[in-house]
PDB file of all heavy atoms in Angstrom:
ATOM      1  N   ARG A   1      -2.481 -11.289  10.114  1.00  0.00           N
ATOM      2  CA  ARG A   1      -3.162 -10.011  10.327  1.00  0.00           C
ATOM      3  C   ARG A   1      -3.551  -9.457   8.983  1.00  0.00           C
ATOM      4  O   ARG A   1      -4.656  -8.732   8.861  1.00  0.00           O
ATOM      5  CB  ARG A   1      -2.288  -9.122  11.095  1.00  0.00           C
ATOM      6  CG  ARG A   1      -2.251  -9.556  12.572  1.00  0.00           C
ATOM      7  CD  ARG A   1      -1.191  -8.721  13.356  1.00  0.00           C
ATOM      8  NE  ARG A   1      -1.102  -9.032  14.685  1.00  0.00           N
ATOM      9  CZ  ARG A   1      -1.729  -8.372  15.570  1.00  0.00           C
ATOM     10  NH1 ARG A   1      -2.516  -7.398  15.361  1.00  0.00           N
ATOM     11  NH2 ARG A   1      -1.706  -8.721  16.878  1.00  0.00           N
ATOM     12  N   ARG A   2      -2.663  -9.374   8.045  1.00  0.00           N
ATOM     13  CA  ARG A   2      -2.891  -8.886   6.638  1.00  0.00           C
ATOM     14  C   ARG A   2      -4.179  -9.666   6.128  1.00  0.00           C
ATOM     15  O   ARG A   2      -5.022  -9.032   5.532  1.00  0.00           O
ATOM     16  CB  ARG A   2      -1.787  -9.034   5.700  1.00  0.00           C
ATOM     17  CG  ARG A   2      -1.881  -8.279   4.476  1.00  0.00           C
ATOM     18  CD  ARG A   2      -0.844  -8.682   3.474  1.00  0.00           C
ATOM     19  NE  ARG A   2      -0.995 -10.146   2.999  1.00  0.00           N
ATOM     20  CZ  ARG A   2      -1.918 -10.555   2.227  1.00  0.00           C
ATOM     21  NH1 ARG A   2      -2.916  -9.677   1.794  1.00  0.00           N
ATOM     22  NH2 ARG A   2      -2.104 -11.795   1.798  1.00  0.00           N
ATOM     23  N   ILE A   3      -4.132 -10.908   6.286  1.00  0.00           N
ATOM     24  CA  ILE A   3      -5.358 -11.653   5.669  1.00  0.00           C
ATOM     25  C   ILE A   3      -6.630 -11.246   6.368  1.00  0.00           C
ATOM     26  O   ILE A   3      -7.613 -11.090   5.610  1.00  0.00           O
ATOM     27  CB  ILE A   3      -5.103 -13.270   5.779  1.00  0.00           C
ATOM     28  CG1 ILE A   3      -4.016 -13.537   4.871  1.00  0.00           C
ATOM     29  CG2 ILE A   3      -6.210 -13.986   5.369  1.00  0.00           C
ATOM     30  CD1 ILE A   3      -3.387 -15.033   5.173  1.00  0.00           C
ATOM     31  N   LEU A   4      -6.567 -11.113   7.604  1.00  0.00           N
ATOM     32  CA  LEU A   4      -7.776 -10.692   8.396  1.00  0.00           C
ATOM     33  C   LEU A   4      -8.207  -9.286   7.996  1.00  0.00           C
ATOM     34  O   LEU A   4      -9.355  -9.052   7.805  1.00  0.00           O
ATOM     35  CB  LEU A   4      -7.485 -10.811   9.856  1.00  0.00           C
ATOM     36  CG  LEU A   4      -8.719 -10.587  10.864  1.00  0.00           C
ATOM     37  CD1 LEU A   4      -9.779 -11.512  10.564  1.00  0.00           C
ATOM     38  CD2 LEU A   4      -8.255 -10.578  12.406  1.00  0.00           C
ATOM     39  N   ALA A   5      -7.318  -8.463   7.833  1.00  0.00           N
ATOM     40  CA  ALA A   5      -7.599  -7.052   7.345  1.00  0.00           C
ATOM     41  C   ALA A   5      -8.318  -7.106   5.962  1.00  0.00           C
ATOM     42  O   ALA A   5      -9.225  -6.376   5.676  1.00  0.00           O
ATOM     43  CB  ALA A   5      -6.535  -6.160   7.277  1.00  0.00           C
ATOM     44  N   ASN A   6      -7.671  -8.025   5.045  1.00  0.00           N
ATOM     45  CA  ASN A   6      -8.265  -8.060   3.753  1.00  0.00           C
ATOM     46  C   ASN A   6      -9.728  -8.621   3.777  1.00  0.00           C
ATOM     47  O   ASN A   6     -10.680  -8.350   3.039  1.00  0.00           O
ATOM     48  CB  ASN A   6      -7.485  -9.030   2.873  1.00  0.00           C
ATOM     49  CG  ASN A   6      -7.794  -9.074   1.410  1.00  0.00           C
ATOM     50  OD1 ASN A   6      -8.130  -8.040   0.921  1.00  0.00           O
ATOM     51  ND2 ASN A   6      -7.767 -10.299   0.901  1.00  0.00           N
ATOM     52  N   LEU A   7      -9.995  -9.647   4.775  1.00  0.00           N
ATOM     53  CA  LEU A   7     -11.394 -10.208   4.925  1.00  0.00           C
ATOM     54  C   LEU A   7     -12.227  -9.090   5.321  1.00  0.00           C
ATOM     55  O   LEU A   7     -13.472  -8.944   4.801  1.00  0.00           O
ATOM     56  CB  LEU A   7     -11.408 -11.348   5.906  1.00  0.00           C
ATOM     57  CG  LEU A   7     -10.754 -12.616   5.575  1.00  0.00           C
ATOM     58  CD1 LEU A   7     -10.688 -13.582   6.815  1.00  0.00           C
ATOM     59  CD2 LEU A   7     -11.580 -13.319   4.462  1.00  0.00           C
ATOM     60  N   ALA A   8     -11.808  -8.199   6.307  1.00  0.00           N
ATOM     61  CA  ALA A   8     -12.552  -7.147   6.841  1.00  0.00           C
ATOM     62  C   ALA A   8     -12.962  -6.097   5.807  1.00  0.00           C
ATOM     63  O   ALA A   8     -13.991  -5.536   5.741  1.00  0.00           O
ATOM     64  CB  ALA A   8     -12.003  -6.457   7.898  1.00  0.00           C
ATOM     65  N   SER A   9     -11.950  -5.879   4.693  1.00  0.00           N
ATOM     66  CA  SER A   9     -12.226  -4.975   3.741  1.00  0.00           C
ATOM     67  C   SER A   9     -13.434  -5.384   2.882  1.00  0.00           C
ATOM     68  O   SER A   9     -13.985  -4.467   2.062  1.00  0.00           O
ATOM     69  CB  SER A   9     -10.943  -4.760   2.841  1.00  0.00           C
ATOM     70  OG  SER A   9     -10.778  -5.740   2.066  1.00  0.00           O
ATOM     71  N   ASP A  10     -13.802  -6.513   2.857  1.00  0.00           N
ATOM     72  CA  ASP A  10     -14.999  -7.063   2.016  1.00  0.00           C
ATOM     73  C   ASP A  10     -16.270  -6.893   2.778  1.00  0.00           C
ATOM     74  O   ASP A  10     -17.302  -7.206   2.281  1.00  0.00           O
ATOM     75  CB  ASP A  10     -14.779  -8.539   1.683  1.00  0.00           C
ATOM     76  CG  ASP A  10     -13.609  -8.925   0.723  1.00  0.00           C
ATOM     77  OD1 ASP A  10     -13.377  -7.884  -0.052  1.00  0.00           O
ATOM     78  OD2 ASP A  10     -13.138  -9.953   0.740  1.00  0.00           O
ATOM     79  N   GLY A  11     -16.249  -6.428   4.020  1.00  0.00           N
ATOM     80  CA  GLY A  11     -17.397  -6.159   4.827  1.00  0.00           C
ATOM     81  C   GLY A  11     -17.186  -6.753   6.184  1.00  0.00           C
ATOM     82  O   GLY A  11     -16.548  -7.718   6.510  1.00  0.00           O
ATOM     83  N   LEU A  12     -18.031  -6.047   7.155  1.00  0.00           N
ATOM     84  CA  LEU A  12     -17.969  -6.453   8.585  1.00  0.00           C
ATOM     85  C   LEU A  12     -18.610  -7.983   8.768  1.00  0.00           C
ATOM     86  O   LEU A  12     -19.421  -8.353   8.010  1.00  0.00           O
ATOM     87  CB  LEU A  12     -18.612  -5.590   9.478  1.00  0.00           C
ATOM     88  CG  LEU A  12     -17.940  -4.189   9.567  1.00  0.00           C
ATOM     89  CD1 LEU A  12     -18.808  -3.123  10.387  1.00  0.00           C
ATOM     90  CD2 LEU A  12     -16.601  -4.276  10.199  1.00  0.00           C
ATOM     91  N   PRO A  13     -18.256  -8.544   9.800  1.00  0.00           N
ATOM     92  CA  PRO A  13     -18.897  -9.780  10.117  1.00  0.00           C
ATOM     93  C   PRO A  13     -20.395  -9.737  10.214  1.00  0.00           C
ATOM     94  O   PRO A  13     -20.970  -8.651  10.666  1.00  0.00           O
ATOM     95  CB  PRO A  13     -18.284 -10.244  11.574  1.00  0.00           C
ATOM     96  CG  PRO A  13     -17.105  -9.488  11.576  1.00  0.00           C
ATOM     97  CD  PRO A  13     -17.408  -8.107  10.961  1.00  0.00           C
ATOM     98  N   ARG A  14     -21.170 -10.778   9.865  1.00  0.00           N
ATOM     99  CA  ARG A  14     -22.576 -10.876   9.896  1.00  0.00           C
ATOM    100  C   ARG A  14     -23.109 -11.922  10.792  1.00  0.00           C
ATOM    101  O   ARG A  14     -22.335 -12.847  11.096  1.00  0.00           O
ATOM    102  CB  ARG A  14     -23.033 -10.893   8.568  1.00  0.00           C
ATOM    103  CG  ARG A  14     -22.775  -9.786   7.536  1.00  0.00           C
ATOM    104  CD  ARG A  14     -23.446  -9.810   6.164  1.00  0.00           C
ATOM    105  NE  ARG A  14     -22.944 -10.975   5.354  1.00  0.00           N
ATOM    106  CZ  ARG A  14     -21.930 -10.895   4.570  1.00  0.00           C
ATOM    107  NH1 ARG A  14     -21.290  -9.794   4.471  1.00  0.00           N
ATOM    108  NH2 ARG A  14     -21.621 -11.980   3.820  1.00  0.00           N
ATOM    109  N   GLU A  15     -24.314 -11.823  11.118  1.00  0.00           N
ATOM    110  CA  GLU A  15     -24.997 -13.027  11.935  1.00  0.00           C
ATOM    111  C   GLU A  15     -24.975 -14.234  11.048  1.00  0.00           C
ATOM    112  O   GLU A  15     -25.018 -14.146   9.848  1.00  0.00           O
ATOM    113  CB  GLU A  15     -26.304 -12.514  12.332  1.00  0.00           C
ATOM    114  CG  GLU A  15     -26.372 -11.441  13.284  1.00  0.00           C
ATOM    115  CD  GLU A  15     -27.868 -11.030  13.758  1.00  0.00           C
ATOM    116  OE1 GLU A  15     -28.817 -11.501  13.058  1.00  0.00           O
ATOM    117  OE2 GLU A  15     -27.944 -10.218  14.747  1.00  0.00           O
ATOM    118  N   PRO A  16     -24.963 -15.356  11.623  1.00  0.00           N
ATOM    119  CA  PRO A  16     -24.976 -15.591  13.009  1.00  0.00           C
ATOM    120  C   PRO A  16     -23.725 -15.600  13.865  1.00  0.00           C
ATOM    121  O   PRO A  16     -23.624 -15.676  14.965  1.00  0.00           O
ATOM    122  CB  PRO A  16     -25.694 -17.135  13.184  1.00  0.00           C
ATOM    123  CG  PRO A  16     -25.185 -17.763  11.918  1.00  0.00           C
ATOM    124  CD  PRO A  16     -25.060 -16.618  10.776  1.00  0.00           C
ATOM    125  N   LEU A  17     -22.551 -15.647  12.998  1.00  0.00           N
ATOM    126  CA  LEU A  17     -21.274 -15.725  13.635  1.00  0.00           C
ATOM    127  C   LEU A  17     -20.844 -14.467  14.289  1.00  0.00           C
ATOM    128  O   LEU A  17     -20.198 -14.341  15.367  1.00  0.00           O
ATOM    129  CB  LEU A  17     -20.182 -16.203  12.562  1.00  0.00           C
ATOM    130  CG  LEU A  17     -20.284 -17.519  11.915  1.00  0.00           C
ATOM    131  CD1 LEU A  17     -19.252 -17.778  10.979  1.00  0.00           C
ATOM    132  CD2 LEU A  17     -20.299 -18.537  13.036  1.00  0.00           C
ATOM    133  N   ASP A  18     -21.151 -13.331  13.598  1.00  0.00           N
ATOM    134  CA  ASP A  18     -20.568 -11.940  14.050  1.00  0.00           C
ATOM    135  C   ASP A  18     -19.089 -11.972  14.325  1.00  0.00           C
ATOM    136  O   ASP A  18     -18.651 -11.133  15.118  1.00  0.00           O
ATOM    137  CB  ASP A  18     -21.398 -11.462  15.348  1.00  0.00           C
ATOM    138  CG  ASP A  18     -22.733 -11.136  14.984  1.00  0.00           C
ATOM    139  OD1 ASP A  18     -22.981 -10.575  13.810  1.00  0.00           O
ATOM    140  OD2 ASP A  18     -23.678 -11.209  15.901  1.00  0.00           O
ATOM    141  N   MET A  19     -18.326 -12.780  13.515  1.00  0.00           N
ATOM    142  CA  MET A  19     -16.928 -12.676  13.686  1.00  0.00           C
ATOM    143  C   MET A  19     -16.247 -13.303  12.364  1.00  0.00           C
ATOM    144  O   MET A  19     -16.919 -13.892  11.536  1.00  0.00           O
ATOM    145  CB  MET A  19     -16.335 -13.444  14.805  1.00  0.00           C
ATOM    146  CG  MET A  19     -16.610 -14.918  14.891  1.00  0.00           C
ATOM    147  SD  MET A  19     -15.025 -15.655  14.357  1.00  0.00           S
ATOM    148  CE  MET A  19     -15.346 -17.310  14.224  1.00  0.00           C
ATOM    149  N   MET A  20     -15.075 -12.997  12.199  1.00  0.00           N
ATOM    150  CA  MET A  20     -14.185 -13.582  11.207  1.00  0.00           C
ATOM    151  C   MET A  20     -12.906 -13.836  11.819  1.00  0.00           C
ATOM    152  O   MET A  20     -12.420 -13.285  12.716  1.00  0.00           O
ATOM    153  CB  MET A  20     -14.037 -12.627   9.892  1.00  0.00           C
ATOM    154  CG  MET A  20     -13.567 -11.287  10.258  1.00  0.00           C
ATOM    155  SD  MET A  20     -13.513 -10.152   8.874  1.00  0.00           S
ATOM    156  CE  MET A  20     -15.234 -10.063   8.270  1.00  0.00           C
ATOM    157  N   SER A  21     -12.098 -14.891  11.263  1.00  0.00           N
ATOM    158  CA  SER A  21     -10.832 -15.245  11.791  1.00  0.00           C
ATOM    159  C   SER A  21      -9.867 -15.883  10.889  1.00  0.00           C
ATOM    160  O   SER A  21     -10.248 -16.233   9.836  1.00  0.00           O
ATOM    161  CB  SER A  21     -11.100 -16.240  12.962  1.00  0.00           C
ATOM    162  OG  SER A  21     -11.719 -17.445  12.425  1.00  0.00           O
ATOM    163  N   VAL A  22      -8.728 -15.910  11.363  1.00  0.00           N
ATOM    164  CA  VAL A  22      -7.574 -16.569  10.502  1.00  0.00           C
ATOM    165  C   VAL A  22      -6.876 -17.443  11.623  1.00  0.00           C
ATOM    166  O   VAL A  22      -6.563 -17.034  12.658  1.00  0.00           O
ATOM    167  CB  VAL A  22      -6.634 -15.607  10.029  1.00  0.00           C
ATOM    168  CG1 VAL A  22      -5.442 -16.248   9.371  1.00  0.00           C
ATOM    169  CG2 VAL A  22      -7.282 -14.659   9.041  1.00  0.00           C
ATOM    170  N   GLU A  23      -6.826 -18.747  11.366  1.00  0.00           N
ATOM    171  CA  GLU A  23      -6.031 -19.656  12.250  1.00  0.00           C
ATOM    172  C   GLU A  23      -4.831 -20.049  11.516  1.00  0.00           C
ATOM    173  O   GLU A  23      -4.847 -20.214  10.432  1.00  0.00           O
ATOM    174  CB  GLU A  23      -6.900 -20.841  12.485  1.00  0.00           C
ATOM    175  CG  GLU A  23      -8.099 -20.595  13.366  1.00  0.00           C
ATOM    176  CD  GLU A  23      -8.918 -21.918  13.593  1.00  0.00           C
ATOM    177  OE1 GLU A  23      -8.506 -22.693  14.445  1.00  0.00           O
ATOM    178  OE2 GLU A  23      -9.879 -21.981  12.974  1.00  0.00           O
ATOM    179  N   ILE A  24      -3.723 -20.043  12.227  1.00  0.00           N
ATOM    180  CA  ILE A  24      -2.324 -20.364  11.748  1.00  0.00           C
ATOM    181  C   ILE A  24      -1.872 -21.625  12.325  1.00  0.00           C
ATOM    182  O   ILE A  24      -1.888 -21.730  13.560  1.00  0.00           O
ATOM    183  CB  ILE A  24      -1.490 -19.156  11.925  1.00  0.00           C
ATOM    184  CG1 ILE A  24      -1.955 -17.775  11.475  1.00  0.00           C
ATOM    185  CG2 ILE A  24      -0.068 -19.480  11.443  1.00  0.00           C
ATOM    186  CD1 ILE A  24      -1.372 -16.567  11.912  1.00  0.00           C
ATOM    187  N   TYR A  25      -1.462 -22.576  11.454  1.00  0.00           N
ATOM    188  CA  TYR A  25      -0.983 -23.796  11.873  1.00  0.00           C
ATOM    189  C   TYR A  25       0.503 -23.962  11.423  1.00  0.00           C
ATOM    190  O   TYR A  25       0.933 -23.410  10.356  1.00  0.00           O
ATOM    191  CB  TYR A  25      -1.738 -24.845  11.252  1.00  0.00           C
ATOM    192  CG  TYR A  25      -3.209 -24.842  11.607  1.00  0.00           C
ATOM    193  CD1 TYR A  25      -3.999 -24.066  10.860  1.00  0.00           C
ATOM    194  CD2 TYR A  25      -3.684 -25.680  12.541  1.00  0.00           C
ATOM    195  CE1 TYR A  25      -5.369 -24.018  11.109  1.00  0.00           C
ATOM    196  CE2 TYR A  25      -5.028 -25.669  12.876  1.00  0.00           C
ATOM    197  CZ  TYR A  25      -5.941 -24.852  12.233  1.00  0.00           C
ATOM    198  OH  TYR A  25      -7.274 -24.813  12.370  1.00  0.00           O
ATOM    199  N   ASP A  26       1.235 -24.805  12.177  1.00  0.00           N
ATOM    200  CA  ASP A  26       2.725 -25.098  11.827  1.00  0.00           C
ATOM    201  C   ASP A  26       2.672 -26.174  10.689  1.00  0.00           C
ATOM    202  O   ASP A  26       1.721 -26.649  10.288  1.00  0.00           O
ATOM    203  CB  ASP A  26       3.620 -25.341  12.884  1.00  0.00           C
ATOM    204  CG  ASP A  26       3.241 -26.709  13.640  1.00  0.00           C
ATOM    205  OD1 ASP A  26       2.360 -27.576  13.089  1.00  0.00           O
ATOM    206  OD2 ASP A  26       3.777 -26.964  14.789  1.00  0.00           O
ATOM    207  N   ALA A  27       3.931 -26.597  10.284  1.00  0.00           N
ATOM    208  CA  ALA A  27       4.045 -27.607   9.224  1.00  0.00           C
ATOM    209  C   ALA A  27       3.426 -28.973   9.490  1.00  0.00           C
ATOM    210  O   ALA A  27       2.871 -29.728   8.681  1.00  0.00           O
ATOM    211  CB  ALA A  27       5.576 -27.846   8.931  1.00  0.00           C
ATOM    212  N   ASP A  28       3.233 -29.272  10.882  1.00  0.00           N
ATOM    213  CA  ASP A  28       2.540 -30.436  11.283  1.00  0.00           C
ATOM    214  C   ASP A  28       1.082 -30.273  11.486  1.00  0.00           C
ATOM    215  O   ASP A  28       0.434 -31.099  12.045  1.00  0.00           O
ATOM    216  CB  ASP A  28       3.246 -31.020  12.643  1.00  0.00           C
ATOM    217  CG  ASP A  28       4.631 -31.404  12.291  1.00  0.00           C
ATOM    218  OD1 ASP A  28       4.933 -31.909  11.344  1.00  0.00           O
ATOM    219  OD2 ASP A  28       5.413 -30.999  13.301  1.00  0.00           O
ATOM    220  N   ARG A  29       0.507 -29.139  11.019  1.00  0.00           N
ATOM    221  CA  ARG A  29      -0.771 -28.733  11.270  1.00  0.00           C
ATOM    222  C   ARG A  29      -1.240 -28.552  12.789  1.00  0.00           C
ATOM    223  O   ARG A  29      -2.398 -28.720  13.104  1.00  0.00           O
ATOM    224  CB  ARG A  29      -1.689 -29.587  10.427  1.00  0.00           C
ATOM    225  CG  ARG A  29      -1.528 -29.344   8.985  1.00  0.00           C
ATOM    226  CD  ARG A  29      -2.366 -30.191   8.228  1.00  0.00           C
ATOM    227  NE  ARG A  29      -2.363 -29.810   6.647  1.00  0.00           N
ATOM    228  CZ  ARG A  29      -1.537 -30.205   5.888  1.00  0.00           C
ATOM    229  NH1 ARG A  29      -0.336 -30.973   6.214  1.00  0.00           N
ATOM    230  NH2 ARG A  29      -1.561 -29.836   4.584  1.00  0.00           N
ATOM    231  N   LYS A  30      -0.278 -28.255  13.492  1.00  0.00           N
ATOM    232  CA  LYS A  30      -0.616 -27.961  14.922  1.00  0.00           C
ATOM    233  C   LYS A  30      -0.970 -26.505  15.079  1.00  0.00           C
ATOM    234  O   LYS A  30      -0.202 -25.649  14.547  1.00  0.00           O
ATOM    235  CB  LYS A  30       0.587 -28.139  15.840  1.00  0.00           C
ATOM    236  CG  LYS A  30       0.460 -27.835  17.267  1.00  0.00           C
ATOM    237  CD  LYS A  30       1.801 -28.094  18.087  1.00  0.00           C
ATOM    238  CE  LYS A  30       1.650 -27.345  19.293  1.00  0.00           C
ATOM    239  NZ  LYS A  30       2.807 -26.770  19.767  1.00  0.00           N
ATOM    240  N   PRO A  31      -2.130 -26.210  15.669  1.00  0.00           N
ATOM    241  CA  PRO A  31      -2.546 -24.850  15.709  1.00  0.00           C
ATOM    242  C   PRO A  31      -1.614 -23.910  16.578  1.00  0.00           C
ATOM    243  O   PRO A  31      -1.111 -24.374  17.683  1.00  0.00           O
ATOM    244  CB  PRO A  31      -3.853 -24.811  16.491  1.00  0.00           C
ATOM    245  CG  PRO A  31      -4.182 -26.113  16.918  1.00  0.00           C
ATOM    246  CD  PRO A  31      -3.021 -26.985  16.306  1.00  0.00           C
ATOM    247  N   LEU A  32      -1.202 -22.726  15.979  1.00  0.00           N
ATOM    248  CA  LEU A  32      -0.319 -21.843  16.698  1.00  0.00           C
ATOM    249  C   LEU A  32      -0.935 -20.545  17.213  1.00  0.00           C
ATOM    250  O   LEU A  32      -0.791 -20.162  18.402  1.00  0.00           O
ATOM    251  CB  LEU A  32       0.865 -21.270  15.737  1.00  0.00           C
ATOM    252  CG  LEU A  32       1.684 -22.324  15.204  1.00  0.00           C
ATOM    253  CD1 LEU A  32       2.723 -21.778  14.253  1.00  0.00           C
ATOM    254  CD2 LEU A  32       2.506 -23.028  16.372  1.00  0.00           C
ATOM    255  N   PHE A  33      -1.825 -20.009  16.389  1.00  0.00           N
ATOM    256  CA  PHE A  33      -2.406 -18.771  16.860  1.00  0.00           C
ATOM    257  C   PHE A  33      -3.956 -18.745  16.121  1.00  0.00           C
ATOM    258  O   PHE A  33      -4.113 -19.252  15.053  1.00  0.00           O
ATOM    259  CB  PHE A  33      -1.775 -17.444  16.139  1.00  0.00           C
ATOM    260  CG  PHE A  33      -0.309 -17.349  16.447  1.00  0.00           C
ATOM    261  CD1 PHE A  33       0.550 -17.672  15.518  1.00  0.00           C
ATOM    262  CD2 PHE A  33       0.096 -17.001  17.644  1.00  0.00           C
ATOM    263  CE1 PHE A  33       2.070 -17.627  15.719  1.00  0.00           C
ATOM    264  CE2 PHE A  33       1.456 -16.950  17.962  1.00  0.00           C
ATOM    265  CZ  PHE A  33       2.351 -17.192  16.852  1.00  0.00           C
ATOM    266  N   GLU A  34      -4.799 -17.976  16.754  1.00  0.00           N
ATOM    267  CA  GLU A  34      -6.003 -17.654  15.958  1.00  0.00           C
ATOM    268  C   GLU A  34      -6.177 -16.091  16.137  1.00  0.00           C
ATOM    269  O   GLU A  34      -6.170 -15.540  17.308  1.00  0.00           O
ATOM    270  CB  GLU A  34      -7.302 -18.393  16.670  1.00  0.00           C
ATOM    271  CG  GLU A  34      -8.621 -17.928  15.919  1.00  0.00           C
ATOM    272  CD  GLU A  34      -9.743 -18.482  16.466  1.00  0.00           C
ATOM    273  OE1 GLU A  34      -9.651 -19.387  17.337  1.00  0.00           O
ATOM    274  OE2 GLU A  34     -10.855 -18.305  15.895  1.00  0.00           O
ATOM    275  N   LEU A  35      -6.308 -15.418  15.026  1.00  0.00           N
ATOM    276  CA  LEU A  35      -6.615 -14.033  15.071  1.00  0.00           C
ATOM    277  C   LEU A  35      -8.061 -13.839  14.735  1.00  0.00           C
ATOM    278  O   LEU A  35      -8.538 -14.346  13.676  1.00  0.00           O
ATOM    279  CB  LEU A  35      -5.748 -13.372  13.970  1.00  0.00           C
ATOM    280  CG  LEU A  35      -4.322 -13.500  14.063  1.00  0.00           C
ATOM    281  CD1 LEU A  35      -3.596 -13.077  12.858  1.00  0.00           C
ATOM    282  CD2 LEU A  35      -3.689 -13.004  15.317  1.00  0.00           C
ATOM    283  N   ARG A  36      -8.800 -13.004  15.479  1.00  0.00           N
ATOM    284  CA  ARG A  36     -10.208 -12.892  15.382  1.00  0.00           C
ATOM    285  C   ARG A  36     -10.741 -11.515  15.330  1.00  0.00           C
ATOM    286  O   ARG A  36     -10.302 -10.741  16.262  1.00  0.00           O
ATOM    287  CB  ARG A  36     -10.942 -13.707  16.499  1.00  0.00           C
ATOM    288  CG  ARG A  36     -12.469 -13.875  16.389  1.00  0.00           C
ATOM    289  CD  ARG A  36     -12.938 -14.717  17.504  1.00  0.00           C
ATOM    290  NE  ARG A  36     -12.644 -16.002  17.329  1.00  0.00           N
ATOM    291  CZ  ARG A  36     -13.159 -16.983  18.172  1.00  0.00           C
ATOM    292  NH1 ARG A  36     -13.963 -16.665  19.193  1.00  0.00           N
ATOM    293  NH2 ARG A  36     -12.723 -18.148  17.792  1.00  0.00           N
ATOM    294  N   LEU A  37     -11.679 -11.161  14.481  1.00  0.00           N
ATOM    295  CA  LEU A  37     -12.312  -9.957  14.513  1.00  0.00           C
ATOM    296  C   LEU A  37     -13.812 -10.209  14.798  1.00  0.00           C
ATOM    297  O   LEU A  37     -14.402 -10.953  14.042  1.00  0.00           O
ATOM    298  CB  LEU A  37     -12.069  -9.153  13.168  1.00  0.00           C
ATOM    299  CG  LEU A  37     -12.827  -7.849  13.026  1.00  0.00           C
ATOM    300  CD1 LEU A  37     -12.330  -6.816  13.963  1.00  0.00           C
ATOM    301  CD2 LEU A  37     -12.795  -7.342  11.585  1.00  0.00           C
ATOM    302  N   ALA A  38     -14.359  -9.650  15.860  1.00  0.00           N
ATOM    303  CA  ALA A  38     -15.666  -9.849  16.275  1.00  0.00           C
ATOM    304  C   ALA A  38     -16.447  -8.481  16.331  1.00  0.00           C
ATOM    305  O   ALA A  38     -15.919  -7.415  16.597  1.00  0.00           O
ATOM    306  CB  ALA A  38     -15.836 -10.466  17.751  1.00  0.00           C
ATOM    307  N   LEU A  39     -17.757  -8.602  15.959  1.00  0.00           N
ATOM    308  CA  LEU A  39     -18.602  -7.511  15.960  1.00  0.00           C
ATOM    309  C   LEU A  39     -19.719  -7.738  17.038  1.00  0.00           C
ATOM    310  O   LEU A  39     -20.333  -8.684  17.216  1.00  0.00           O
ATOM    311  CB  LEU A  39     -19.388  -7.407  14.587  1.00  0.00           C
ATOM    312  CG  LEU A  39     -20.365  -6.216  14.549  1.00  0.00           C
ATOM    313  CD1 LEU A  39     -19.426  -4.956  14.515  1.00  0.00           C
ATOM    314  CD2 LEU A  39     -21.096  -6.301  13.155  1.00  0.00           C
ATOM    315  N   GLN A  40     -19.602  -6.776  17.911  1.00  0.00           N
ATOM    316  CA  GLN A  40     -20.526  -6.819  19.131  1.00  0.00           C
ATOM    317  C   GLN A  40     -21.523  -5.717  19.028  1.00  0.00           C
ATOM    318  O   GLN A  40     -21.194  -4.628  18.711  1.00  0.00           O
ATOM    319  CB  GLN A  40     -19.717  -6.638  20.470  1.00  0.00           C
ATOM    320  CG  GLN A  40     -19.610  -7.786  21.228  1.00  0.00           C
ATOM    321  CD  GLN A  40     -18.939  -7.458  22.594  1.00  0.00           C
ATOM    322  OE1 GLN A  40     -18.083  -6.636  22.654  1.00  0.00           O
ATOM    323  NE2 GLN A  40     -19.327  -8.194  23.717  1.00  0.00           N
ATOM    324  N   GLU A  41     -22.708  -6.133  19.213  1.00  0.00           N
ATOM    325  CA  GLU A  41     -23.913  -5.145  19.329  1.00  0.00           C
ATOM    326  C   GLU A  41     -24.262  -4.981  20.710  1.00  0.00           C
ATOM    327  O   GLU A  41     -24.566  -5.954  21.377  1.00  0.00           O
ATOM    328  CB  GLU A  41     -25.102  -5.626  18.408  1.00  0.00           C
ATOM    329  CG  GLU A  41     -26.270  -4.493  18.334  1.00  0.00           C
ATOM    330  CD  GLU A  41     -27.349  -5.076  17.560  1.00  0.00           C
ATOM    331  OE1 GLU A  41     -27.131  -5.510  16.409  1.00  0.00           O
ATOM    332  OE2 GLU A  41     -28.483  -5.196  18.032  1.00  0.00           O
ATOM    333  N   ILE A  42     -24.287  -3.769  21.136  1.00  0.00           N
ATOM    334  CA  ILE A  42     -24.610  -3.417  22.549  1.00  0.00           C
ATOM    335  C   ILE A  42     -25.876  -2.664  22.641  1.00  0.00           C
ATOM    336  O   ILE A  42     -25.854  -1.503  22.139  1.00  0.00           O
ATOM    337  CB  ILE A  42     -23.504  -2.806  23.360  1.00  0.00           C
ATOM    338  CG1 ILE A  42     -22.229  -3.664  23.223  1.00  0.00           C
ATOM    339  CG2 ILE A  42     -23.807  -2.371  24.781  1.00  0.00           C
ATOM    340  CD1 ILE A  42     -20.910  -2.972  23.633  1.00  0.00           C
ATOM    341  N   VAL A  43     -26.925  -3.104  23.075  1.00  0.00           N
ATOM    342  CA  VAL A  43     -28.267  -2.347  23.291  1.00  0.00           C
ATOM    343  C   VAL A  43     -28.183  -1.538  24.543  1.00  0.00           C
ATOM    344  O   VAL A  43     -27.718  -1.871  25.630  1.00  0.00           O
ATOM    345  CB  VAL A  43     -29.346  -3.428  23.459  1.00  0.00           C
ATOM    346  CG1 VAL A  43     -30.737  -2.609  23.721  1.00  0.00           C
ATOM    347  CG2 VAL A  43     -29.540  -4.418  22.305  1.00  0.00           C
TER     348      VAL A  43
END
């Protein structure tokens, strides 16, 4: 979460992804969590 906040402090997500994320893996590199910040534009 701290890493994701630090990424966001550099600026909001841009197209084409419109998101930023941090994936966390265990020692065997098995995925445990994905934390994602997405920017949605609603017309």
